[in-house]
Amino acid sequence: MLILTAILNKRKTKSAQYRFLFMHRQKLKRLLSLDRFPARSTYFQRYPQADRLLEPAIVLQGQRALEERVTTACSVAVDKSLLWARGTPWHGKRRCKGKVPPELQGVDRQADWGFSPYHKWVYGYSYEVVTTADSGTINLPLVASGGLASASEHTSCPAKIEHLPSRTSFVLADSGYDSNALGDRVERDDKGRSTGRRFVCPPNRRNVRGRPSGTSHMSRSQRLEQQRRWARIDFYQSPRGHRLYARRSQSVEPLHERLKSLFELNPRVWHRGLANNRTQLLATVFCYQLLLRYNHLCGRRNAQVQWIIECL
């Protein structure tokens, strides 16, 4: 709770966060029923470990928000966003050798390079979020994770699929997520049975070699896998598939901009080090969920939550 309080008040370093909290320690002790206020060393030690609590907390709060009818989740969108590290970028060849030139000051040694069509090359960190994407509703994050800018979507996304609401019918993703394994993870359960969901994703040009004309050289499982893949491509290319996919640009992409604007994350993260930034990024998503729930409780059926932050 102390970490969330400091982040909502936009204290961008751990030292500034602790100073702010210490100034209000009497009030915080009373509100949080604390016998004693944590020492500075305790706060610094626990801050980079809080992500282990925040990641499942985001899932639970997303479920609670759906129960409160803050929004609906018939369709969800998943996307990763990149953020620059603090300090000077550490370029590839020098980084591989583990050498920091004397002219580079304040290099974050734990950051890494990542590429996206929108951000291009970025030396820093990333976060991935699954958000609701129904037309005309509030876009609320349901699952999130933080990592390096080089983190692969094919590695980070599958674990989020098991946390999707049972009512979800469509999962929207860009071509960076295109893979048979992820498509099958969305559309089939552990026993190979259909889940009733559809994975709506444009095919990545690197993964498309043309529709196979002959399948005699394939095993039965390979033929079925190819059939499912081309069924997904055909659905995406249909008018309904294009209408559904258009929701992605109206949901998860504006969500990235809103998060970065509200918590002053554009273009850099707040800290150095993976653990510190993972905590801060996940806490940002959790705080945004909390703001949307409070906004809904106040009778406002929109995502305009800046007024709440300004009142803190």
Protein backbone atom coordinates (compact mmCIF):
# COMPACT_ATOMS: atom_id res chain seq x y z
CA MET A 1 0.00 0.00 0.00
CA LEU A 2 2.87 2.40 0.69
CA ILE A 3 4.34 1.72 -2.76
CA LEU A 4 0.99 2.33 -4.45
CA THR A 5 0.52 5.55 -2.46
CA ALA A 6 3.92 6.86 -3.54
CA ILE A 7 3.36 5.94 -7.20
CA LEU A 8 -0.09 7.55 -7.28
CA ASN A 9 1.59 10.71 -6.04
CA LYS A 10 4.19 10.39 -8.85
CA ARG A 11 7.31 10.24 -6.69
CA LYS A 12 9.76 8.91 -9.28
CA THR A 13 12.69 7.70 -7.19
CA LYS A 14 12.66 5.40 -4.20
CA SER A 15 14.29 8.11 -2.11
CA ALA A 16 11.60 10.66 -3.05
CA GLN A 17 8.92 8.06 -2.43
CA TYR A 18 10.17 7.27 1.06
CA ARG A 19 10.57 10.95 1.96
CA PHE A 20 6.99 11.63 0.90
CA LEU A 21 5.68 8.64 2.85
CA PHE A 22 7.72 9.50 5.92
CA MET A 23 6.30 13.04 5.95
CA HIS A 24 2.80 11.51 6.15
CA ARG A 25 3.74 8.57 8.38
CA GLN A 26 1.30 9.36 11.19
CA LYS A 27 -1.69 9.47 8.85
CA LEU A 28 -0.54 6.37 6.97
CA LYS A 29 0.02 4.42 10.20
CA ARG A 30 -3.54 5.22 11.27
CA LEU A 31 -5.14 4.43 7.90
CA LEU A 32 -3.18 1.19 7.40
CA SER A 33 -3.29 0.11 11.07
CA LEU A 34 0.50 -0.09 11.30
CA ASP A 35 2.17 -0.60 14.68
CA ARG A 36 5.32 1.05 13.38
CA PHE A 37 6.38 2.71 10.17
CA PRO A 38 8.81 0.72 7.97
CA ALA A 39 12.43 1.85 7.97
CA ARG A 40 14.01 3.26 4.81
CA SER A 41 16.11 0.10 4.35
CA THR A 42 13.00 -2.08 4.62
CA TYR A 43 11.20 -0.04 1.96
CA PHE A 44 14.20 -0.18 -0.38
CA GLN A 45 14.59 -3.92 0.15
CA ARG A 46 10.96 -4.81 -0.47
CA TYR A 47 10.31 -2.47 -3.38
CA PRO A 48 11.97 -4.65 -6.08
CA GLN A 49 10.18 -7.74 -4.70
CA ALA A 50 6.66 -6.32 -4.84
CA ASP A 51 6.08 -7.44 -8.45
CA ARG A 52 5.44 -10.98 -7.18
CA LEU A 53 2.42 -9.63 -5.32
CA LEU A 54 1.30 -7.10 -7.92
CA GLU A 55 1.06 -9.49 -10.89
CA PRO A 56 -1.63 -11.76 -9.33
CA ALA A 57 -3.24 -8.69 -7.72
CA ILE A 58 -3.87 -7.23 -11.19
CA VAL A 59 -5.63 -10.44 -12.22
CA LEU A 60 -7.81 -10.45 -9.09
CA GLN A 61 -8.71 -6.78 -9.40
CA GLY A 62 -9.61 -7.28 -13.06
CA GLN A 63 -11.99 -10.06 -12.04
CA ARG A 64 -13.50 -7.85 -9.35
CA ALA A 65 -14.01 -5.00 -11.83
CA LEU A 66 -15.89 -7.33 -14.18
CA GLU A 67 -18.08 -8.49 -11.29
CA GLU A 68 -18.83 -4.83 -10.54
CA ARG A 69 -19.75 -4.31 -14.21
CA VAL A 70 -17.19 -1.60 -14.75
CA THR A 71 -16.81 -2.99 -18.27
CA THR A 72 -17.29 -6.16 -20.33
CA ALA A 73 -14.77 -8.62 -21.75
CA CYS A 74 -16.31 -10.40 -24.74
CA SER A 75 -13.22 -9.35 -26.68
CA VAL A 76 -9.76 -8.56 -25.30
CA ALA A 77 -6.62 -7.14 -26.88
CA VAL A 78 -3.01 -7.90 -26.01
CA ASP A 79 0.01 -5.74 -26.76
CA LYS A 80 3.52 -4.91 -25.57
CA SER A 81 4.89 -1.39 -25.20
CA LEU A 82 8.53 -0.30 -24.96
CA LEU A 83 10.02 2.35 -22.69
CA TRP A 84 13.51 3.85 -22.74
CA ALA A 85 15.85 3.13 -19.85
CA ARG A 86 17.31 5.94 -17.78
CA GLY A 87 20.75 7.17 -18.74
CA THR A 88 22.69 6.73 -21.96
CA PRO A 89 21.92 3.76 -24.28
CA TRP A 90 24.50 0.99 -24.20
CA HIS A 91 24.98 -0.04 -27.81
CA GLY A 92 25.07 -3.61 -29.01
CA LYS A 93 28.70 -4.45 -29.71
CA ARG A 94 29.95 -2.79 -26.53
CA ARG A 95 27.17 -4.37 -24.53
CA CYS A 96 28.04 -7.85 -25.81
CA LYS A 97 31.61 -7.32 -24.64
CA GLY A 98 30.41 -6.04 -21.26
CA LYS A 99 32.38 -2.82 -21.63
CA VAL A 100 31.02 0.63 -20.77
CA PRO A 101 33.06 3.41 -22.44
CA PRO A 102 34.18 6.22 -20.12
CA GLU A 103 32.08 8.76 -22.03
CA LEU A 104 28.83 6.91 -21.24
CA GLN A 105 27.41 8.14 -17.94
CA GLY A 106 24.64 6.48 -15.92
CA VAL A 107 24.22 3.40 -18.12
CA ASP A 108 21.53 0.96 -16.96
CA ARG A 109 23.37 -2.34 -17.36
CA GLN A 110 20.25 -4.47 -16.88
CA ALA A 111 18.26 -2.95 -19.77
CA ASP A 112 18.25 -4.47 -23.25
CA TRP A 113 17.46 -3.55 -26.84
CA GLY A 114 14.03 -4.22 -28.32
CA PHE A 115 12.30 -3.37 -31.59
CA SER A 116 8.74 -2.61 -32.55
CA PRO A 117 7.30 -1.09 -35.75
CA TYR A 118 6.01 1.89 -33.75
CA HIS A 119 8.93 2.57 -31.38
CA LYS A 120 11.73 1.26 -33.64
CA TRP A 121 14.86 0.36 -31.62
CA VAL A 122 14.62 1.08 -27.90
CA TYR A 123 17.15 0.41 -25.15
CA GLY A 124 15.10 -0.22 -22.06
CA TYR A 125 12.17 -2.16 -20.70
CA SER A 126 8.69 -3.25 -21.69
CA TYR A 127 5.34 -4.15 -20.24
CA GLU A 128 2.64 -6.31 -21.76
CA VAL A 129 -1.03 -5.91 -20.99
CA VAL A 130 -4.27 -7.71 -21.83
CA THR A 131 -7.17 -5.26 -21.82
CA THR A 132 -10.87 -5.41 -22.52
CA ALA A 133 -11.70 -4.29 -26.07
CA ASP A 134 -15.48 -4.28 -26.46
CA SER A 135 -16.81 -1.43 -28.57
CA GLY A 136 -18.25 1.48 -26.59
CA THR A 137 -16.94 0.31 -23.21
CA ILE A 138 -14.09 1.24 -20.85
CA ASN A 139 -10.76 -0.40 -21.65
CA LEU A 140 -9.66 -2.00 -18.38
CA PRO A 141 -6.43 -4.03 -17.99
CA LEU A 142 -7.02 -7.62 -16.91
CA VAL A 143 -3.51 -9.15 -16.95
CA ALA A 144 -0.07 -7.55 -17.14
CA SER A 145 3.63 -8.33 -16.90
CA GLY A 146 6.88 -6.38 -17.06
CA GLY A 147 10.25 -7.28 -18.56
CA LEU A 148 13.11 -6.24 -20.77
CA ALA A 149 12.54 -4.55 -24.11
CA SER A 150 13.88 -7.72 -25.77
CA ALA A 151 11.19 -9.94 -24.20
CA SER A 152 9.47 -12.10 -26.84
CA GLU A 153 5.69 -11.89 -27.12
CA HIS A 154 5.62 -15.62 -27.85
CA THR A 155 7.19 -16.25 -24.44
CA SER A 156 5.34 -13.71 -22.30
CA CYS A 157 1.80 -14.02 -23.70
CA PRO A 158 0.88 -17.74 -23.31
CA ALA A 159 0.85 -17.61 -19.49
CA LYS A 160 -1.78 -14.85 -19.65
CA ILE A 161 -4.26 -16.93 -21.64
CA GLU A 162 -5.29 -19.01 -18.61
CA HIS A 163 -6.40 -15.82 -16.82
CA LEU A 164 -8.85 -14.75 -19.53
CA PRO A 165 -12.48 -14.47 -18.37
CA SER A 166 -14.75 -17.35 -19.34
CA ARG A 167 -16.97 -14.91 -21.26
CA THR A 168 -14.14 -13.87 -23.62
CA SER A 169 -14.76 -14.93 -27.23
CA PHE A 170 -12.09 -13.02 -29.18
CA VAL A 171 -8.40 -12.33 -28.48
CA LEU A 172 -6.97 -9.54 -30.67
CA ALA A 173 -3.22 -9.27 -31.30
CA ASP A 174 -0.88 -7.73 -33.86
CA SER A 175 1.31 -9.72 -36.26
CA GLY A 176 4.13 -9.94 -33.71
CA TYR A 177 2.02 -12.52 -31.86
CA ASP A 178 1.33 -14.67 -34.92
CA SER A 179 2.20 -18.30 -34.17
CA ASN A 180 0.42 -21.63 -34.33
CA ALA A 181 1.30 -22.38 -30.72
CA LEU A 182 -0.29 -19.20 -29.39
CA GLY A 183 -3.33 -19.54 -31.65
CA ASP A 184 -3.90 -23.08 -30.42
CA ARG A 185 -3.37 -21.96 -26.82
CA VAL A 186 -6.26 -19.51 -27.23
CA GLU A 187 -8.59 -21.73 -29.25
CA ARG A 188 -7.96 -25.14 -27.65
CA ASP A 189 -7.67 -26.44 -24.09
CA ASP A 190 -5.11 -28.85 -22.63
CA LYS A 191 -7.04 -31.82 -24.00
CA GLY A 192 -7.24 -30.43 -27.53
CA ARG A 193 -10.91 -29.48 -27.30
CA SER A 194 -12.23 -26.22 -28.72
CA THR A 195 -12.62 -23.40 -26.19
CA GLY A 196 -15.03 -21.45 -28.38
CA ARG A 197 -12.58 -18.53 -28.61
CA ARG A 198 -11.01 -17.06 -31.72
CA PHE A 199 -7.49 -15.69 -32.06
CA VAL A 200 -7.79 -12.68 -34.38
CA CYS A 201 -4.30 -11.83 -35.60
CA PRO A 202 -2.90 -10.74 -38.98
CA PRO A 203 -0.43 -13.26 -40.36
CA ASN A 204 3.22 -12.36 -40.07
CA ARG A 205 4.80 -12.32 -43.52
CA ARG A 206 7.71 -14.39 -42.24
CA ASN A 207 5.27 -17.15 -41.23
CA VAL A 208 3.28 -17.31 -44.48
CA ARG A 209 4.63 -19.51 -47.25
CA GLY A 210 1.41 -19.91 -49.18
CA ARG A 211 -1.49 -22.26 -48.66
CA PRO A 212 -0.19 -25.85 -49.00
CA SER A 213 -1.47 -27.56 -52.13
CA GLY A 214 -0.48 -31.07 -51.12
CA THR A 215 -0.40 -32.56 -47.64
CA SER A 216 0.77 -36.11 -48.36
CA HIS A 217 4.17 -35.36 -46.81
CA MET A 218 2.56 -34.15 -43.56
CA SER A 219 1.50 -36.16 -40.56
CA ARG A 220 -2.11 -36.02 -39.42
CA SER A 221 -1.29 -33.60 -36.59
CA GLN A 222 0.59 -31.29 -38.99
CA ARG A 223 -2.36 -31.29 -41.42
CA LEU A 224 -4.78 -30.39 -38.62
CA GLU A 225 -2.43 -27.66 -37.42
CA GLN A 226 -2.25 -26.17 -40.92
CA GLN A 227 -6.04 -26.33 -41.26
CA ARG A 228 -6.50 -24.45 -38.00
CA ARG A 229 -3.92 -21.85 -39.01
CA TRP A 230 -5.55 -21.12 -42.36
CA ALA A 231 -8.97 -21.04 -40.72
CA ARG A 232 -7.63 -18.27 -38.46
CA ILE A 233 -6.19 -16.38 -41.45
CA ASP A 234 -9.46 -16.71 -43.39
CA PHE A 235 -11.44 -15.42 -40.40
CA TYR A 236 -9.12 -12.44 -39.96
CA GLN A 237 -9.42 -11.56 -43.65
CA SER A 238 -13.23 -11.73 -43.54
CA PRO A 239 -15.28 -8.52 -43.05
CA ARG A 240 -16.19 -9.60 -39.52
CA GLY A 241 -12.56 -10.33 -38.71
CA HIS A 242 -11.48 -6.86 -39.87
CA ARG A 243 -14.25 -5.22 -37.81
CA LEU A 244 -13.14 -7.12 -34.70
CA TYR A 245 -9.46 -6.39 -35.27
CA ALA A 246 -10.22 -2.68 -35.59
CA ARG A 247 -11.15 -2.71 -31.90
CA ARG A 248 -7.49 -3.24 -31.06
CA SER A 249 -6.51 0.23 -32.27
CA GLN A 250 -9.39 1.67 -30.23
CA SER A 251 -8.51 -0.14 -27.00
CA VAL A 252 -4.99 -1.29 -26.17
CA GLU A 253 -3.10 1.37 -28.14
CA PRO A 254 -4.96 4.30 -26.52
CA LEU A 255 -4.50 2.51 -23.17
CA HIS A 256 -0.71 2.67 -23.56
CA GLU A 257 -0.87 6.41 -24.21
CA ARG A 258 -3.20 6.94 -21.25
CA LEU A 259 -0.97 5.04 -18.84
CA LYS A 260 2.16 6.86 -19.99
CA SER A 261 0.43 10.22 -19.77
CA LEU A 262 -1.16 9.70 -16.35
CA PHE A 263 2.02 8.37 -14.75
CA GLU A 264 4.58 10.37 -16.73
CA LEU A 265 6.22 7.37 -18.37
CA ASN A 266 6.80 8.91 -21.78
CA PRO A 267 9.42 8.11 -22.88
CA ARG A 268 11.46 6.77 -19.92
CA VAL A 269 10.94 4.48 -16.96
CA TRP A 270 11.37 5.81 -13.42
CA HIS A 271 14.17 3.60 -12.14
CA ARG A 272 17.27 1.67 -13.08
CA GLY A 273 17.23 -2.12 -12.89
CA LEU A 274 14.72 -4.73 -14.04
CA ALA A 275 13.21 -5.58 -10.64
CA ASN A 276 12.61 -1.93 -9.71
CA ASN A 277 10.96 -1.12 -13.04
CA ARG A 278 8.89 -4.28 -13.07
CA THR A 279 7.43 -3.28 -9.70
CA GLN A 280 6.76 0.27 -10.85
CA LEU A 281 5.15 -0.74 -14.16
CA LEU A 282 2.89 -3.35 -12.57
CA ALA A 283 1.96 -0.93 -9.79
CA THR A 284 1.01 1.61 -12.48
CA VAL A 285 -1.39 -0.88 -14.09
CA PHE A 286 -2.83 -1.83 -10.69
CA CYS A 287 -3.34 1.85 -9.77
CA TYR A 288 -5.08 2.49 -13.08
CA GLN A 289 -7.47 -0.40 -12.42
CA LEU A 290 -8.15 1.05 -8.98
CA LEU A 291 -8.82 4.51 -10.41
CA LEU A 292 -11.31 3.09 -12.93
CA ARG A 293 -13.15 1.19 -10.20
CA TYR A 294 -13.33 4.27 -7.98
CA ASN A 295 -14.48 6.39 -10.93
CA HIS A 296 -17.25 3.84 -11.58
CA LEU A 297 -18.20 3.88 -7.89
CA CYS A 298 -18.59 7.67 -8.16
CA GLY A 299 -21.12 7.16 -10.95
CA ARG A 300 -18.86 8.14 -13.84
CA ARG A 301 -19.09 5.67 -16.73
CA ASN A 302 -15.89 6.73 -18.46
CA ALA A 303 -12.11 6.49 -18.16
CA GLN A 304 -11.52 10.14 -17.21
CA VAL A 305 -9.58 9.60 -13.97
CA GLN A 306 -7.17 12.53 -14.01
CA TRP A 307 -9.39 14.37 -11.53
CA ILE A 308 -8.87 11.64 -8.93
CA ILE A 309 -5.07 11.91 -9.16
CA GLU A 310 -5.26 15.69 -8.88
CA CYS A 311 -7.33 15.33 -5.69
CA LEU A 312 -4.74 13.13 -3.97
